[in-house]
Amino acid sequence: MSATARPVIRRGRGYDHGVTDDAAARLRAALELHDLGERMLRQRLRREHPQMTDTDLDHAVRAWLRERPGAEHGDAVGPRSTRFA
């Protein structure tokens, strides 16, 4: 966005009142990337464990999302935040 451009603000009713189009687009992109990542994880688990039932697969995906192997304390480097502990 250029320095002179102003964000478009929707003036509608409901949850999006006052949300800029730019912010909404970024949120949609983030949610789409999350969905893509989950689908990729499901495909990998299905490939690595073809005997898994759909229920087992759902449990494995939920467990991975909760535990996040390799990023148990978040994605940022440095000491763990105590803000939400």
C-alpha atoms as a PDB file:
ATOM      1  CA  MET A   1       0.000   0.000   0.000  1.00  0.00           C
ATOM      2  CA  SER A   2       1.498   3.358  -0.956  1.00  0.00           C
ATOM      3  CA  ALA A   3       1.865   6.211   1.522  1.00  0.00           C
ATOM      4  CA  THR A   4      -0.974   8.110  -0.139  1.00  0.00           C
ATOM      5  CA  ALA A   5      -3.368   5.171  -0.491  1.00  0.00           C
ATOM      6  CA  ARG A   6      -5.922   4.745   2.233  1.00  0.00           C
ATOM      7  CA  PRO A   7      -7.353   1.347   3.172  1.00  0.00           C
ATOM      8  CA  VAL A   8     -10.930   0.675   2.208  1.00  0.00           C
ATOM      9  CA  ILE A   9     -13.132   0.205   5.249  1.00  0.00           C
ATOM     10  CA  ARG A  10     -16.346  -1.732   4.960  1.00  0.00           C
ATOM     11  CA  ARG A  11     -19.257  -0.099   6.683  1.00  0.00           C
ATOM     12  CA  GLY A  12     -21.563  -3.075   6.856  1.00  0.00           C
ATOM     13  CA  ARG A  13     -23.397  -4.855   9.604  1.00  0.00           C
ATOM     14  CA  GLY A  14     -22.095  -7.874  11.402  1.00  0.00           C
ATOM     15  CA  TYR A  15     -18.679  -9.128  12.361  1.00  0.00           C
ATOM     16  CA  ASP A  16     -16.711  -7.255   9.677  1.00  0.00           C
ATOM     17  CA  HIS A  17     -17.746  -3.751  10.693  1.00  0.00           C
ATOM     18  CA  GLY A  18     -14.704  -1.528  10.306  1.00  0.00           C
ATOM     19  CA  VAL A  19     -12.340  -4.263   9.091  1.00  0.00           C
ATOM     20  CA  THR A  20     -10.132  -3.131   6.233  1.00  0.00           C
ATOM     21  CA  ASP A  21     -10.205  -5.149   3.040  1.00  0.00           C
ATOM     22  CA  ASP A  22      -6.441  -5.563   3.322  1.00  0.00           C
ATOM     23  CA  ALA A  23      -6.633  -7.059   6.815  1.00  0.00           C
ATOM     24  CA  ALA A  24      -9.477  -9.341   5.787  1.00  0.00           C
ATOM     25  CA  ALA A  25      -7.488 -10.549   2.775  1.00  0.00           C
ATOM     26  CA  ARG A  26      -4.469 -11.297   4.969  1.00  0.00           C
ATOM     27  CA  LEU A  27      -6.627 -13.262   7.400  1.00  0.00           C
ATOM     28  CA  ARG A  28      -8.226 -15.244   4.566  1.00  0.00           C
ATOM     29  CA  ALA A  29      -4.755 -16.042   3.184  1.00  0.00           C
ATOM     30  CA  ALA A  30      -3.545 -17.205   6.614  1.00  0.00           C
ATOM     31  CA  LEU A  31      -6.580 -19.447   7.070  1.00  0.00           C
ATOM     32  CA  GLU A  32      -6.180 -20.886   3.570  1.00  0.00           C
ATOM     33  CA  LEU A  33      -2.507 -21.649   4.304  1.00  0.00           C
ATOM     34  CA  HIS A  34      -3.505 -23.391   7.541  1.00  0.00           C
ATOM     35  CA  ASP A  35      -6.030 -25.523   5.643  1.00  0.00           C
ATOM     36  CA  LEU A  36      -3.414 -26.356   3.004  1.00  0.00           C
ATOM     37  CA  GLY A  37      -0.898 -27.351   5.682  1.00  0.00           C
ATOM     38  CA  GLU A  38      -3.434 -29.604   7.361  1.00  0.00           C
ATOM     39  CA  ARG A  39      -4.294 -31.293   4.050  1.00  0.00           C
ATOM     40  CA  MET A  40      -0.587 -31.842   3.371  1.00  0.00           C
ATOM     41  CA  LEU A  41      -0.113 -33.369   6.834  1.00  0.00           C
ATOM     42  CA  ARG A  42      -3.073 -35.693   6.243  1.00  0.00           C
ATOM     43  CA  GLN A  43      -1.606 -36.804   2.911  1.00  0.00           C
ATOM     44  CA  ARG A  44       1.796 -37.475   4.483  1.00  0.00           C
ATOM     45  CA  LEU A  45       0.287 -39.435   7.357  1.00  0.00           C
ATOM     46  CA  ARG A  46      -1.874 -41.425   4.936  1.00  0.00           C
ATOM     47  CA  ARG A  47       1.191 -42.203   2.796  1.00  0.00           C
ATOM     48  CA  GLU A  48       3.340 -43.181   5.801  1.00  0.00           C
ATOM     49  CA  HIS A  49       0.560 -45.163   7.540  1.00  0.00           C
ATOM     50  CA  PRO A  50      -1.805 -46.578   4.887  1.00  0.00           C
ATOM     51  CA  GLN A  51      -3.450 -48.810   7.516  1.00  0.00           C
ATOM     52  CA  MET A  52      -4.751 -45.787   9.485  1.00  0.00           C
ATOM     53  CA  THR A  53      -8.500 -45.426   9.679  1.00  0.00           C
ATOM     54  CA  ASP A  54     -10.084 -42.015   9.082  1.00  0.00           C
ATOM     55  CA  THR A  55     -10.729 -41.725  12.823  1.00  0.00           C
ATOM     56  CA  ASP A  56      -7.083 -42.529  13.635  1.00  0.00           C
ATOM     57  CA  LEU A  57      -5.994 -39.983  11.054  1.00  0.00           C
ATOM     58  CA  ASP A  58      -8.222 -37.293  12.604  1.00  0.00           C
ATOM     59  CA  HIS A  59      -6.765 -38.048  16.051  1.00  0.00           C
ATOM     60  CA  ALA A  60      -3.196 -37.917  14.713  1.00  0.00           C
ATOM     61  CA  VAL A  61      -3.791 -34.556  13.025  1.00  0.00           C
ATOM     62  CA  ARG A  62      -5.375 -33.092  16.178  1.00  0.00           C
ATOM     63  CA  ALA A  63      -2.475 -34.388  18.292  1.00  0.00           C
ATOM     64  CA  TRP A  64       0.059 -32.869  15.908  1.00  0.00           C
ATOM     65  CA  LEU A  65      -1.728 -29.511  15.979  1.00  0.00           C
ATOM     66  CA  ARG A  66      -1.749 -29.540  19.806  1.00  0.00           C
ATOM     67  CA  GLU A  67       1.870 -30.665  20.272  1.00  0.00           C
ATOM     68  CA  ARG A  68       3.522 -29.186  17.148  1.00  0.00           C
ATOM     69  CA  PRO A  69       6.696 -31.287  17.152  1.00  0.00           C
ATOM     70  CA  GLY A  70       9.708 -29.023  16.783  1.00  0.00           C
ATOM     71  CA  ALA A  71       7.781 -25.916  17.833  1.00  0.00           C
ATOM     72  CA  GLU A  72       6.352 -26.913  21.189  1.00  0.00           C
ATOM     73  CA  HIS A  73       6.962 -23.451  22.618  1.00  0.00           C
ATOM     74  CA  GLY A  74       6.039 -21.456  19.528  1.00  0.00           C
ATOM     75  CA  ASP A  75       7.784 -20.456  16.321  1.00  0.00           C
ATOM     76  CA  ALA A  76       9.861 -17.564  17.642  1.00  0.00           C
ATOM     77  CA  VAL A  77      13.465 -17.864  18.755  1.00  0.00           C
ATOM     78  CA  GLY A  78      14.449 -16.847  22.238  1.00  0.00           C
ATOM     79  CA  PRO A  79      13.109 -17.545  25.693  1.00  0.00           C
ATOM     80  CA  ARG A  80       9.548 -18.766  26.095  1.00  0.00           C
ATOM     81  CA  SER A  81       7.017 -16.056  26.885  1.00  0.00           C
ATOM     82  CA  THR A  82       5.301 -16.181  30.262  1.00  0.00           C
ATOM     83  CA  ARG A  83       2.583 -13.817  29.072  1.00  0.00           C
ATOM     84  CA  PHE A  84      -0.013 -16.571  28.613  1.00  0.00           C
ATOM     85  CA  ALA A  85       1.319 -19.132  31.093  1.00  0.00           C
END
